[in-house]
Amino acid sequence: SLEDEILAWEIDSANLPQIKERLRQREQDCNELSSAYDDMEKENKTAADQAAEASRESRQCKEQLHALQQKAKTEKESLLRKLMQTSTELKREHHARLLLSHNRPEEAAAVTGLLSIISGMETSC
């Protein structure tokens, strides 16, 4: 049946423009999908780079915070030591004044001398 084959070819030939149009549309869809995929890849790389940068900055901030906390702790301890030393010196000075108010001038001079020696020793420690 040559006639059937010829008829089939004629039908196929008649459908050829439609088939070409569908192929062109599929090619366009594929190109759009490929372009969208490329855009997504770029966005993913950008997001990954930003996440890495944010992670670095977070780590640096944590390190800086830790350093500042250590510095504040050291300064606080130093200030507490100075406060305790000053408090001790004030108590001694108060007791010395009480003693001086009850003693004679030569005893007062001896007490004052002893206080200056003690203060000098504390400072050197």
PDB file of N, CA and C in Angstrom:
ATOM      1  N   SER A   1       0.740  -1.107   0.000  1.00  0.00           N
ATOM      2  CA  SER A   1       0.000   0.000   0.000  1.00  0.00           C
ATOM      3  C   SER A   1       0.840   1.258   0.000  1.00  0.00           C
ATOM      4  N   LEU A   2       1.200   1.511  -1.196  1.00  0.00           N
ATOM      5  CA  LEU A   2       1.960   2.720  -1.479  1.00  0.00           C
ATOM      6  C   LEU A   2       1.091   3.935  -1.249  1.00  0.00           C
ATOM      7  N   GLU A   3      -0.154   3.819  -1.532  1.00  0.00           N
ATOM      8  CA  GLU A   3      -1.079   4.946  -1.349  1.00  0.00           C
ATOM      9  C   GLU A   3      -1.198   5.308   0.127  1.00  0.00           C
ATOM     10  N   ASP A   4      -1.218   4.293   0.995  1.00  0.00           N
ATOM     11  CA  ASP A   4      -1.293   4.564   2.437  1.00  0.00           C
ATOM     12  C   ASP A   4      -0.034   5.287   2.926  1.00  0.00           C
ATOM     13  N   GLU A   5       1.097   4.847   2.388  1.00  0.00           N
ATOM     14  CA  GLU A   5       2.350   5.503   2.774  1.00  0.00           C
ATOM     15  C   GLU A   5       2.388   6.934   2.282  1.00  0.00           C
ATOM     16  N   ILE A   6       1.928   7.149   1.094  1.00  0.00           N
ATOM     17  CA  ILE A   6       1.913   8.505   0.544  1.00  0.00           C
ATOM     18  C   ILE A   6       0.956   9.366   1.357  1.00  0.00           C
ATOM     19  N   LEU A   7      -0.171   8.819   1.717  1.00  0.00           N
ATOM     20  CA  LEU A   7      -1.138   9.561   2.533  1.00  0.00           C
ATOM     21  C   LEU A   7      -0.539   9.905   3.893  1.00  0.00           C
ATOM     22  N   ALA A   8       0.172   8.953   4.491  1.00  0.00           N
ATOM     23  CA  ALA A   8       0.793   9.197   5.791  1.00  0.00           C
ATOM     24  C   ALA A   8       1.846  10.291   5.680  1.00  0.00           C
ATOM     25  N   TRP A   9       2.623  10.283   4.596  1.00  0.00           N
ATOM     26  CA  TRP A   9       3.633  11.304   4.389  1.00  0.00           C
ATOM     27  C   TRP A   9       2.990  12.666   4.177  1.00  0.00           C
ATOM     28  N   GLU A  10       1.894  12.697   3.493  1.00  0.00           N
ATOM     29  CA  GLU A  10       1.193  13.971   3.272  1.00  0.00           C
ATOM     30  C   GLU A  10       0.667  14.519   4.591  1.00  0.00           C
ATOM     31  N   ILE A  11       0.136  13.622   5.435  1.00  0.00           N
ATOM     32  CA  ILE A  11      -0.358  14.060   6.755  1.00  0.00           C
ATOM     33  C   ILE A  11       0.812  14.578   7.589  1.00  0.00           C
ATOM     34  N   ASP A  12       1.918  13.804   7.556  1.00  0.00           N
ATOM     35  CA  ASP A  12       3.104  14.236   8.304  1.00  0.00           C
ATOM     36  C   ASP A  12       3.626  15.565   7.772  1.00  0.00           C
ATOM     37  N   SER A  13       3.606  15.727   6.479  1.00  0.00           N
ATOM     38  CA  SER A  13       4.076  16.975   5.873  1.00  0.00           C
ATOM     39  C   SER A  13       3.180  18.128   6.269  1.00  0.00           C
ATOM     40  N   ALA A  14       1.895  17.871   6.356  1.00  0.00           N
ATOM     41  CA  ALA A  14       0.959  18.918   6.759  1.00  0.00           C
ATOM     42  C   ALA A  14       1.191  19.307   8.219  1.00  0.00           C
ATOM     43  N   ASN A  15       1.613  18.354   9.033  1.00  0.00           N
ATOM     44  CA  ASN A  15       1.853  18.609  10.464  1.00  0.00           C
ATOM     45  C   ASN A  15       3.247  19.168  10.732  1.00  0.00           C
ATOM     46  N   LEU A  16       4.092  19.181   9.753  1.00  0.00           N
ATOM     47  CA  LEU A  16       5.468  19.628   9.924  1.00  0.00           C
ATOM     48  C   LEU A  16       5.586  21.043  10.492  1.00  0.00           C
ATOM     49  N   PRO A  17       4.818  22.033  10.025  1.00  0.00           N
ATOM     50  CA  PRO A  17       4.927  23.373  10.637  1.00  0.00           C
ATOM     51  C   PRO A  17       4.548  23.356  12.121  1.00  0.00           C
ATOM     52  N   GLN A  18       3.541  22.578  12.474  1.00  0.00           N
ATOM     53  CA  GLN A  18       3.142  22.497  13.890  1.00  0.00           C
ATOM     54  C   GLN A  18       4.239  21.833  14.718  1.00  0.00           C
ATOM     55  N   ILE A  19       4.828  20.792  14.159  1.00  0.00           N
ATOM     56  CA  ILE A  19       5.899  20.098  14.870  1.00  0.00           C
ATOM     57  C   ILE A  19       7.098  21.022  15.050  1.00  0.00           C
ATOM     58  N   LYS A  20       7.436  21.766  13.985  1.00  0.00           N
ATOM     59  CA  LYS A  20       8.543  22.724  14.087  1.00  0.00           C
ATOM     60  C   LYS A  20       8.247  23.785  15.147  1.00  0.00           C
ATOM     61  N   GLU A  21       7.022  24.270  15.177  1.00  0.00           N
ATOM     62  CA  GLU A  21       6.643  25.285  16.175  1.00  0.00           C
ATOM     63  C   GLU A  21       6.754  24.719  17.589  1.00  0.00           C
ATOM     64  N   ARG A  22       6.298  23.478  17.786  1.00  0.00           N
ATOM     65  CA  ARG A  22       6.406  22.848  19.116  1.00  0.00           C
ATOM     66  C   ARG A  22       7.872  22.670  19.515  1.00  0.00           C
ATOM     67  N   LEU A  23       8.693  22.273  18.550  1.00  0.00           N
ATOM     68  CA  LEU A  23      10.121  22.123  18.847  1.00  0.00           C
ATOM     69  C   LEU A  23      10.761  23.468  19.196  1.00  0.00           C
ATOM     70  N   ARG A  24      10.375  24.508  18.447  1.00  0.00           N
ATOM     71  CA  ARG A  24      10.885  25.847  18.736  1.00  0.00           C
ATOM     72  C   ARG A  24      10.455  26.290  20.148  1.00  0.00           C
ATOM     73  N   GLN A  25       9.204  26.011  20.508  1.00  0.00           N
ATOM     74  CA  GLN A  25       8.686  26.370  21.834  1.00  0.00           C
ATOM     75  C   GLN A  25       9.432  25.592  22.925  1.00  0.00           C
ATOM     76  N   ARG A  26       9.669  24.314  22.676  1.00  0.00           N
ATOM     77  CA  ARG A  26      10.407  23.510  23.660  1.00  0.00           C
ATOM     78  C   ARG A  26      11.847  24.009  23.816  1.00  0.00           C
ATOM     79  N   GLU A  27      12.448  24.379  22.695  1.00  0.00           N
ATOM     80  CA  GLU A  27      13.809  24.927  22.763  1.00  0.00           C
ATOM     81  C   GLU A  27      13.822  26.214  23.584  1.00  0.00           C
ATOM     82  N   GLN A  28      12.826  27.072  23.365  1.00  0.00           N
ATOM     83  CA  GLN A  28      12.728  28.323  24.126  1.00  0.00           C
ATOM     84  C   GLN A  28      12.515  28.023  25.610  1.00  0.00           C
ATOM     85  N   ASP A  29      11.640  27.068  25.919  1.00  0.00           N
ATOM     86  CA  ASP A  29      11.416  26.683  27.323  1.00  0.00           C
ATOM     87  C   ASP A  29      12.701  26.158  27.953  1.00  0.00           C
ATOM     88  N   CYS A  30      13.428  25.341  27.211  1.00  0.00           N
ATOM     89  CA  CYS A  30      14.695  24.799  27.727  1.00  0.00           C
ATOM     90  C   CYS A  30      15.709  25.918  27.981  1.00  0.00           C
ATOM     91  N   ASN A  31      15.765  26.858  27.056  1.00  0.00           N
ATOM     92  CA  ASN A  31      16.691  27.980  27.231  1.00  0.00           C
ATOM     93  C   ASN A  31      16.316  28.813  28.454  1.00  0.00           C
ATOM     94  N   GLU A  32      15.029  29.042  28.658  1.00  0.00           N
ATOM     95  CA  GLU A  32      14.579  29.803  29.826  1.00  0.00           C
ATOM     96  C   GLU A  32      14.900  29.057  31.113  1.00  0.00           C
ATOM     97  N   LEU A  33      14.654  27.740  31.110  1.00  0.00           N
ATOM     98  CA  LEU A  33      14.970  26.940  32.304  1.00  0.00           C
ATOM     99  C   LEU A  33      16.472  26.936  32.576  1.00  0.00           C
ATOM    100  N   SER A  34      17.268  26.831  31.517  1.00  0.00           N
ATOM    101  CA  SER A  34      18.715  26.845  31.678  1.00  0.00           C
ATOM    102  C   SER A  34      19.181  28.185  32.243  1.00  0.00           C
ATOM    103  N   SER A  35      18.603  29.263  31.743  1.00  0.00           N
ATOM    104  CA  SER A  35      18.955  30.595  32.227  1.00  0.00           C
ATOM    105  C   SER A  35      18.535  30.764  33.691  1.00  0.00           C
ATOM    106  N   ALA A  36      17.333  30.269  34.014  1.00  0.00           N
ATOM    107  CA  ALA A  36      16.866  30.348  35.405  1.00  0.00           C
ATOM    108  C   ALA A  36      17.766  29.530  36.324  1.00  0.00           C
ATOM    109  N   TYR A  37      18.203  28.365  35.859  1.00  0.00           N
ATOM    110  CA  TYR A  37      19.105  27.527  36.649  1.00  0.00           C
ATOM    111  C   TYR A  37      20.435  28.246  36.886  1.00  0.00           C
ATOM    112  N   ASP A  38      20.968  28.872  35.840  1.00  0.00           N
ATOM    113  CA  ASP A  38      22.222  29.621  35.977  1.00  0.00           C
ATOM    114  C   ASP A  38      22.067  30.754  36.987  1.00  0.00           C
ATOM    115  N   ASP A  39      20.930  31.454  36.926  1.00  0.00           N
ATOM    116  CA  ASP A  39      20.666  32.540  37.883  1.00  0.00           C
ATOM    117  C   ASP A  39      20.605  32.002  39.310  1.00  0.00           C
ATOM    118  N   MET A  40      19.955  30.846  39.481  1.00  0.00           N
ATOM    119  CA  MET A  40      19.862  30.246  40.814  1.00  0.00           C
ATOM    120  C   MET A  40      21.240  29.845  41.327  1.00  0.00           C
ATOM    121  N   GLU A  41      22.074  29.323  40.451  1.00  0.00           N
ATOM    122  CA  GLU A  41      23.438  28.953  40.832  1.00  0.00           C
ATOM    123  C   GLU A  41      24.209  30.182  41.319  1.00  0.00           C
ATOM    124  N   LYS A  42      24.073  31.276  40.598  1.00  0.00           N
ATOM    125  CA  LYS A  42      24.751  32.516  40.999  1.00  0.00           C
ATOM    126  C   LYS A  42      24.231  33.004  42.339  1.00  0.00           C
ATOM    127  N   GLU A  43      22.904  32.961  42.527  1.00  0.00           N
ATOM    128  CA  GLU A  43      22.316  33.393  43.801  1.00  0.00           C
ATOM    129  C   GLU A  43      22.781  32.498  44.943  1.00  0.00           C
ATOM    130  N   ASN A  44      22.860  31.192  44.697  1.00  0.00           N
ATOM    131  CA  ASN A  44      23.328  30.271  45.734  1.00  0.00           C
ATOM    132  C   ASN A  44      24.772  30.559  46.114  1.00  0.00           C
ATOM    133  N   LYS A  45      25.614  30.850  45.119  1.00  0.00           N
ATOM    134  CA  LYS A  45      27.013  31.170  45.416  1.00  0.00           C
ATOM    135  C   LYS A  45      27.099  32.465  46.217  1.00  0.00           C
ATOM    136  N   THR A  46      26.312  33.462  45.809  1.00  0.00           N
ATOM    137  CA  THR A  46      26.303  34.731  46.534  1.00  0.00           C
ATOM    138  C   THR A  46      25.843  34.515  47.978  1.00  0.00           C
ATOM    139  N   ALA A  47      24.786  33.728  48.154  1.00  0.00           N
ATOM    140  CA  ALA A  47      24.279  33.459  49.504  1.00  0.00           C
ATOM    141  C   ALA A  47      25.321  32.709  50.334  1.00  0.00           C
ATOM    142  N   ALA A  48      26.000  31.763  49.732  1.00  0.00           N
ATOM    143  CA  ALA A  48      27.037  31.014  50.456  1.00  0.00           C
ATOM    144  C   ALA A  48      28.189  31.934  50.853  1.00  0.00           C
ATOM    145  N   ASP A  49      28.584  32.825  49.951  1.00  0.00           N
ATOM    146  CA  ASP A  49      29.650  33.789  50.266  1.00  0.00           C
ATOM    147  C   ASP A  49      29.226  34.711  51.412  1.00  0.00           C
ATOM    148  N   GLN A  50      27.977  35.162  51.363  1.00  0.00           N
ATOM    149  CA  GLN A  50      27.473  36.043  52.424  1.00  0.00           C
ATOM    150  C   GLN A  50      27.402  35.300  53.755  1.00  0.00           C
ATOM    151  N   ALA A  51      26.991  34.050  53.725  1.00  0.00           N
ATOM    152  CA  ALA A  51      26.923  33.255  54.958  1.00  0.00           C
ATOM    153  C   ALA A  51      28.321  33.056  55.543  1.00  0.00           C
ATOM    154  N   ALA A  52      29.289  32.798  54.691  1.00  0.00           N
ATOM    155  CA  ALA A  52      30.664  32.623  55.175  1.00  0.00           C
ATOM    156  C   ALA A  52      31.189  33.916  55.793  1.00  0.00           C
ATOM    157  N   GLU A  53      30.897  35.042  55.155  1.00  0.00           N
ATOM    158  CA  GLU A  53      31.330  36.345  55.686  1.00  0.00           C
ATOM    159  C   GLU A  53      30.651  36.630  57.031  1.00  0.00           C
ATOM    160  N   ALA A  54      29.365  36.345  57.104  1.00  0.00           N
ATOM    161  CA  ALA A  54      28.639  36.555  58.362  1.00  0.00           C
ATOM    162  C   ALA A  54      29.198  35.672  59.469  1.00  0.00           C
ATOM    163  N   SER A  55      29.572  34.458  59.124  1.00  0.00           N
ATOM    164  CA  SER A  55      30.161  33.544  60.101  1.00  0.00           C
ATOM    165  C   SER A  55      31.506  34.077  60.597  1.00  0.00           C
ATOM    166  N   ARG A  56      32.322  34.580  59.680  1.00  0.00           N
ATOM    167  CA  ARG A  56      33.614  35.174  60.076  1.00  0.00           C
ATOM    168  C   ARG A  56      33.401  36.376  60.996  1.00  0.00           C
ATOM    169  N   GLU A  57      32.466  37.235  60.620  1.00  0.00           N
ATOM    170  CA  GLU A  57      32.203  38.423  61.433  1.00  0.00           C
ATOM    171  C   GLU A  57      31.673  38.035  62.810  1.00  0.00           C
ATOM    172  N   SER A  58      30.826  37.030  62.857  1.00  0.00           N
ATOM    173  CA  SER A  58      30.298  36.562  64.142  1.00  0.00           C
ATOM    174  C   SER A  58      31.420  36.041  65.029  1.00  0.00           C
ATOM    175  N   ARG A  59      32.323  35.259  64.434  1.00  0.00           N
ATOM    176  CA  ARG A  59      33.449  34.722  65.197  1.00  0.00           C
ATOM    177  C   ARG A  59      34.336  35.854  65.718  1.00  0.00           C
ATOM    178  N   GLN A  60      34.588  36.864  64.867  1.00  0.00           N
ATOM    179  CA  GLN A  60      35.411  38.000  65.291  1.00  0.00           C
ATOM    180  C   GLN A  60      34.733  38.758  66.431  1.00  0.00           C
ATOM    181  N   CYS A  61      33.426  38.950  66.323  1.00  0.00           N
ATOM    182  CA  CYS A  61      32.692  39.657  67.380  1.00  0.00           C
ATOM    183  C   CYS A  61      32.756  38.888  68.694  1.00  0.00           C
ATOM    184  N   LYS A  62      32.625  37.570  68.621  1.00  0.00           N
ATOM    185  CA  LYS A  62      32.716  36.753  69.836  1.00  0.00           C
ATOM    186  C   LYS A  62      34.093  36.875  70.462  1.00  0.00           C
ATOM    187  N   GLU A  63      35.137  36.866  69.631  1.00  0.00           N
ATOM    188  CA  GLU A  63      36.501  37.006  70.142  1.00  0.00           C
ATOM    189  C   GLU A  63      36.703  38.374  70.786  1.00  0.00           C
ATOM    190  N   GLN A  64      36.183  39.415  70.135  1.00  0.00           N
ATOM    191  CA  GLN A  64      36.307  40.760  70.696  1.00  0.00           C
ATOM    192  C   GLN A  64      35.543  40.871  72.010  1.00  0.00           C
ATOM    193  N   LEU A  65      34.352  40.287  72.059  1.00  0.00           N
ATOM    194  CA  LEU A  65      33.559  40.313  73.286  1.00  0.00           C
ATOM    195  C   LEU A  65      34.302  39.611  74.411  1.00  0.00           C
ATOM    196  N   HIS A  66      34.877  38.449  74.111  1.00  0.00           N
ATOM    197  CA  HIS A  66      35.623  37.709  75.124  1.00  0.00           C
ATOM    198  C   HIS A  66      36.815  38.537  75.634  1.00  0.00           C
ATOM    199  N   ALA A  67      37.524  39.170  74.711  1.00  0.00           N
ATOM    200  CA  ALA A  67      38.674  39.997  75.105  1.00  0.00           C
ATOM    201  C   ALA A  67      38.231  41.162  75.988  1.00  0.00           C
ATOM    202  N   LEU A  68      37.111  41.799  75.605  1.00  0.00           N
ATOM    203  CA  LEU A  68      36.603  42.915  76.416  1.00  0.00           C
ATOM    204  C   LEU A  68      36.144  42.444  77.792  1.00  0.00           C
ATOM    205  N   GLN A  69      35.534  41.261  77.840  1.00  0.00           N
ATOM    206  CA  GLN A  69      35.105  40.729  79.138  1.00  0.00           C
ATOM    207  C   GLN A  69      36.305  40.434  80.026  1.00  0.00           C
ATOM    208  N   GLN A  70      37.357  39.872  79.435  1.00  0.00           N
ATOM    209  CA  GLN A  70      38.577  39.599  80.205  1.00  0.00           C
ATOM    210  C   GLN A  70      39.200  40.896  80.715  1.00  0.00           C
ATOM    211  N   LYS A  71      39.243  41.906  79.847  1.00  0.00           N
ATOM    212  CA  LYS A  71      39.810  43.200  80.235  1.00  0.00           C
ATOM    213  C   LYS A  71      38.989  43.821  81.360  1.00  0.00           C
ATOM    214  N   ALA A  72      37.671  43.761  81.234  1.00  0.00           N
ATOM    215  CA  ALA A  72      36.798  44.322  82.270  1.00  0.00           C
ATOM    216  C   ALA A  72      36.983  43.572  83.584  1.00  0.00           C
ATOM    217  N   LYS A  73      37.131  42.253  83.513  1.00  0.00           N
ATOM    218  CA  LYS A  73      37.331  41.453  84.721  1.00  0.00           C
ATOM    219  C   LYS A  73      38.642  41.842  85.402  1.00  0.00           C
ATOM    220  N   THR A  74      39.696  41.993  84.606  1.00  0.00           N
ATOM    221  CA  THR A  74      41.008  42.370  85.149  1.00  0.00           C
ATOM    222  C   THR A  74      40.945  43.760  85.791  1.00  0.00           C
ATOM    223  N   GLU A  75      40.309  44.697  85.091  1.00  0.00           N
ATOM    224  CA  GLU A  75      40.183  46.058  85.627  1.00  0.00           C
ATOM    225  C   GLU A  75      39.358  46.063  86.907  1.00  0.00           C
ATOM    226  N   LYS A  76      38.282  45.272  86.936  1.00  0.00           N
ATOM    227  CA  LYS A  76      37.437  45.200  88.127  1.00  0.00           C
ATOM    228  C   LYS A  76      38.230  44.658  89.313  1.00  0.00           C
ATOM    229  N   GLU A  77      39.007  43.579  89.063  1.00  0.00           N
ATOM    230  CA  GLU A  77      39.811  43.005  90.139  1.00  0.00           C
ATOM    231  C   GLU A  77      40.845  44.009  90.641  1.00  0.00           C
ATOM    232  N   SER A  78      41.443  44.738  89.731  1.00  0.00           N
ATOM    233  CA  SER A  78      42.434  45.743  90.105  1.00  0.00           C
ATOM    234  C   SER A  78      41.782  46.848  90.945  1.00  0.00           C
ATOM    235  N   LEU A  79      40.624  47.295  90.500  1.00  0.00           N
ATOM    236  CA  LEU A  79      39.917  48.346  91.248  1.00  0.00           C
ATOM    237  C   LEU A  79      39.480  47.851  92.628  1.00  0.00           C
ATOM    238  N   LEU A  80      39.057  46.594  92.709  1.00  0.00           N
ATOM    239  CA  LEU A  80      38.675  46.039  94.013  1.00  0.00           C
ATOM    240  C   LEU A  80      39.878  45.974  94.954  1.00  0.00           C
ATOM    241  N   ARG A  81      41.042  45.577  94.409  1.00  0.00           N
ATOM    242  CA  ARG A  81      42.253  45.555  95.247  1.00  0.00           C
ATOM    243  C   ARG A  81      42.594  46.958  95.750  1.00  0.00           C
ATOM    244  N   LYS A  82      42.509  47.945  94.834  1.00  0.00           N
ATOM    245  CA  LYS A  82      42.804  49.328  95.232  1.00  0.00           C
ATOM    246  C   LYS A  82      41.803  49.817  96.274  1.00  0.00           C
ATOM    247  N   LEU A  83      40.556  49.444  96.094  1.00  0.00           N
ATOM    248  CA  LEU A  83      39.519  49.843  97.059  1.00  0.00           C
ATOM    249  C   LEU A  83      39.796  49.233  98.424  1.00  0.00           C
ATOM    250  N   MET A  84      40.145  47.961  98.430  1.00  0.00           N
ATOM    251  CA  MET A  84      40.438  47.303  99.716  1.00  0.00           C
ATOM    252  C   MET A  84      41.667  47.940 100.368  1.00  0.00           C
ATOM    253  N   GLN A  85      42.681  48.234  99.553  1.00  0.00           N
ATOM    254  CA  GLN A  85      43.890  48.857 100.088  1.00  0.00           C
ATOM    255  C   GLN A  85      43.565  50.234 100.658  1.00  0.00           C
ATOM    256  N   THR A  86      42.782  50.999  99.917  1.00  0.00           N
ATOM    257  CA  THR A  86      42.410  52.339 100.380  1.00  0.00           C
ATOM    258  C   THR A  86      41.582  52.248 101.654  1.00  0.00           C
ATOM    259  N   SER A  87      40.665  51.275 101.686  1.00  0.00           N
ATOM    260  CA  SER A  87      39.839  51.089 102.883  1.00  0.00           C
ATOM    261  C   SER A  87      40.716  50.753 104.090  1.00  0.00           C
ATOM    262  N   THR A  88      41.689  49.860 103.886  1.00  0.00           N
ATOM    263  CA  THR A  88      42.602  49.490 104.978  1.00  0.00           C
ATOM    264  C   THR A  88      43.411  50.703 105.431  1.00  0.00           C
ATOM    265  N   GLU A  89      43.909  51.470 104.458  1.00  0.00           N
ATOM    266  CA  GLU A  89      44.681  52.663 104.803  1.00  0.00           C
ATOM    267  C   GLU A  89      43.833  53.669 105.566  1.00  0.00           C
ATOM    268  N   LEU A  90      42.591  53.835 105.157  1.00  0.00           N
ATOM    269  CA  LEU A  90      41.711  54.780 105.861  1.00  0.00           C
ATOM    270  C   LEU A  90      41.434  54.321 107.287  1.00  0.00           C
ATOM    271  N   LYS A  91      41.245  53.029 107.458  1.00  0.00           N
ATOM    272  CA  LYS A  91      41.014  52.504 108.815  1.00  0.00           C
ATOM    273  C   LYS A  91      42.238  52.736 109.698  1.00  0.00           C
ATOM    274  N   ARG A  92      43.416  52.463 109.141  1.00  0.00           N
ATOM    275  CA  ARG A  92      44.647  52.689 109.909  1.00  0.00           C
ATOM    276  C   ARG A  92      44.814  54.164 110.242  1.00  0.00           C
ATOM    277  N   GLU A  93      44.538  54.987 109.257  1.00  0.00           N
ATOM    278  CA  GLU A  93      44.672  56.423 109.477  1.00  0.00           C
ATOM    279  C   GLU A  93      43.698  56.893 110.554  1.00  0.00           C
ATOM    280  N   HIS A  94      42.489  56.360 110.511  1.00  0.00           N
ATOM    281  CA  HIS A  94      41.484  56.725 111.525  1.00  0.00           C
ATOM    282  C   HIS A  94      41.954  56.284 112.914  1.00  0.00           C
ATOM    283  N   HIS A  95      42.455  55.055 113.007  1.00  0.00           N
ATOM    284  CA  HIS A  95      42.954  54.562 114.299  1.00  0.00           C
ATOM    285  C   HIS A  95      44.158  55.378 114.760  1.00  0.00           C
ATOM    286  N   ALA A  96      45.014  55.731 113.816  1.00  0.00           N
ATOM    287  CA  ALA A  96      46.182  56.532 114.168  1.00  0.00           C
ATOM    288  C   ALA A  96      45.762  57.898 114.688  1.00  0.00           C
ATOM    289  N   ARG A  97      44.776  58.491 114.072  1.00  0.00           N
ATOM    290  CA  ARG A  97      44.306  59.801 114.544  1.00  0.00           C
ATOM    291  C   ARG A  97      43.709  59.695 115.942  1.00  0.00           C
ATOM    292  N   LEU A  98      42.998  58.591 116.159  1.00  0.00           N
ATOM    293  CA  LEU A  98      42.468  58.390 117.510  1.00  0.00           C
ATOM    294  C   LEU A  98      43.616  58.271 118.518  1.00  0.00           C
ATOM    295  N   LEU A  99      44.630  57.499 118.133  1.00  0.00           N
ATOM    296  CA  LEU A  99      45.785  57.354 119.022  1.00  0.00           C
ATOM    297  C   LEU A  99      46.490  58.690 119.218  1.00  0.00           C
ATOM    298  N   LEU A 100      46.632  59.436 118.122  1.00  0.00           N
ATOM    299  CA  LEU A 100      47.319  60.725 118.203  1.00  0.00           C
ATOM    300  C   LEU A 100      46.564  61.696 119.103  1.00  0.00           C
ATOM    301  N   SER A 101      45.258  61.613 119.067  1.00  0.00           N
ATOM    302  CA  SER A 101      44.488  62.549 119.886  1.00  0.00           C
ATOM    303  C   SER A 101      44.655  62.244 121.371  1.00  0.00           C
ATOM    304  N   HIS A 102      45.062  61.012 121.705  1.00  0.00           N
ATOM    305  CA  HIS A 102      45.221  60.629 123.106  1.00  0.00           C
ATOM    306  C   HIS A 102      46.672  60.616 123.566  1.00  0.00           C
ATOM    307  N   ASN A 103      47.624  60.770 122.683  1.00  0.00           N
ATOM    308  CA  ASN A 103      49.037  60.652 123.036  1.00  0.00           C
ATOM    309  C   ASN A 103      49.761  61.995 122.971  1.00  0.00           C
ATOM    310  N   ARG A 104      50.967  61.973 123.503  1.00  0.00           N
ATOM    311  CA  ARG A 104      51.809  63.163 123.488  1.00  0.00           C
ATOM    312  C   ARG A 104      52.430  63.350 122.115  1.00  0.00           C
ATOM    313  N   PRO A 105      52.960  64.546 121.831  1.00  0.00           N
ATOM    314  CA  PRO A 105      53.532  64.839 120.510  1.00  0.00           C
ATOM    315  C   PRO A 105      54.630  63.875 120.081  1.00  0.00           C
ATOM    316  N   GLU A 106      55.540  63.441 120.971  1.00  0.00           N
ATOM    317  CA  GLU A 106      56.604  62.534 120.546  1.00  0.00           C
ATOM    318  C   GLU A 106      56.049  61.154 120.201  1.00  0.00           C
ATOM    319  N   GLU A 107      55.004  60.717 120.912  1.00  0.00           N
ATOM    320  CA  GLU A 107      54.372  59.442 120.579  1.00  0.00           C
ATOM    321  C   GLU A 107      53.621  59.555 119.234  1.00  0.00           C
ATOM    322  N   ALA A 108      53.014  60.710 119.025  1.00  0.00           N
ATOM    323  CA  ALA A 108      52.298  60.951 117.776  1.00  0.00           C
ATOM    324  C   ALA A 108      53.255  60.895 116.596  1.00  0.00           C
ATOM    325  N   ALA A 109      54.471  61.447 116.759  1.00  0.00           N
ATOM    326  CA  ALA A 109      55.458  61.430 115.683  1.00  0.00           C
ATOM    327  C   ALA A 109      55.893  59.994 115.405  1.00  0.00           C
ATOM    328  N   ALA A 110      56.042  59.199 116.448  1.00  0.00           N
ATOM    329  CA  ALA A 110      56.444  57.794 116.271  1.00  0.00           C
ATOM    330  C   ALA A 110      55.354  57.015 115.522  1.00  0.00           C
ATOM    331  N   VAL A 111      54.102  57.246 115.901  1.00  0.00           N
ATOM    332  CA  VAL A 111      52.979  56.558 115.237  1.00  0.00           C
ATOM    333  C   VAL A 111      52.912  56.978 113.763  1.00  0.00           C
ATOM    334  N   THR A 112      53.090  58.277 113.508  1.00  0.00           N
ATOM    335  CA  THR A 112      53.054  58.768 112.128  1.00  0.00           C
ATOM    336  C   THR A 112      54.176  58.127 111.315  1.00  0.00           C
ATOM    337  N   GLY A 113      55.349  58.016 111.914  1.00  0.00           N
ATOM    338  CA  GLY A 113      56.483  57.376 111.233  1.00  0.00           C
ATOM    339  C   GLY A 113      56.190  55.913 110.925  1.00  0.00           C
ATOM    340  N   LEU A 114      55.634  55.208 111.887  1.00  0.00           N
ATOM    341  CA  LEU A 114      55.277  53.799 111.670  1.00  0.00           C
ATOM    342  C   LEU A 114      54.236  53.657 110.551  1.00  0.00           C
ATOM    343  N   LEU A 115      53.257  54.546 110.528  1.00  0.00           N
ATOM    344  CA  LEU A 115      52.227  54.497 109.480  1.00  0.00           C
ATOM    345  C   LEU A 115      52.833  54.719 108.102  1.00  0.00           C
ATOM    346  N   SER A 116      53.759  55.627 107.994  1.00  0.00           N
ATOM    347  CA  SER A 116      54.378  55.869 106.683  1.00  0.00           C
ATOM    348  C   SER A 116      55.219  54.663 106.261  1.00  0.00           C
ATOM    349  N   ILE A 117      55.879  54.002 107.210  1.00  0.00           N
ATOM    350  CA  ILE A 117      56.660  52.793 106.891  1.00  0.00           C
ATOM    351  C   ILE A 117      55.719  51.680 106.396  1.00  0.00           C
ATOM    352  N   ILE A 118      54.606  51.487 107.142  1.00  0.00           N
ATOM    353  CA  ILE A 118      53.632  50.444 106.769  1.00  0.00           C
ATOM    354  C   ILE A 118      53.046  50.726 105.389  1.00  0.00           C
ATOM    355  N   SER A 119      52.675  51.973 105.117  1.00  0.00           N
ATOM    356  CA  SER A 119      52.119  52.338 103.809  1.00  0.00           C
ATOM    357  C   SER A 119      53.141  52.092 102.710  1.00  0.00           C
ATOM    358  N   GLY A 120      54.391  52.409 102.962  1.00  0.00           N
ATOM    359  CA  GLY A 120      55.455  52.171 101.977  1.00  0.00           C
ATOM    360  C   GLY A 120      55.628  50.690 101.697  1.00  0.00           C
ATOM    361  N   MET A 121      55.536  49.879 102.742  1.00  0.00           N
ATOM    362  CA  MET A 121      55.657  48.423 102.569  1.00  0.00           C
ATOM    363  C   MET A 121      54.466  47.878 101.747  1.00  0.00           C
ATOM    364  N   GLU A 122      53.277  48.363 102.036  1.00  0.00           N
ATOM    365  CA  GLU A 122      52.090  47.890 101.300  1.00  0.00           C
ATOM    366  C   GLU A 122      52.198  48.275  99.825  1.00  0.00           C
ATOM    367  N   THR A 123      52.670  49.469  99.545  1.00  0.00           N
ATOM    368  CA  THR A 123      52.790  49.935  98.166  1.00  0.00           C
ATOM    369  C   THR A 123      53.795  49.062  97.415  1.00  0.00           C
ATOM    370  N   SER A 124      54.894  48.702  98.057  1.00  0.00           N
ATOM    371  CA  SER A 124      55.910  47.901  97.386  1.00  0.00           C
ATOM    372  C   SER A 124      55.444  46.472  97.156  1.00  0.00           C
ATOM    373  N   CYS A 125      54.492  46.010  97.950  1.00  0.00           N
ATOM    374  CA  CYS A 125      53.969  44.643  97.770  1.00  0.00           C
ATOM    375  C   CYS A 125      52.996  44.658  96.617  1.00  0.00           C
TER     376      CYS A 125
END
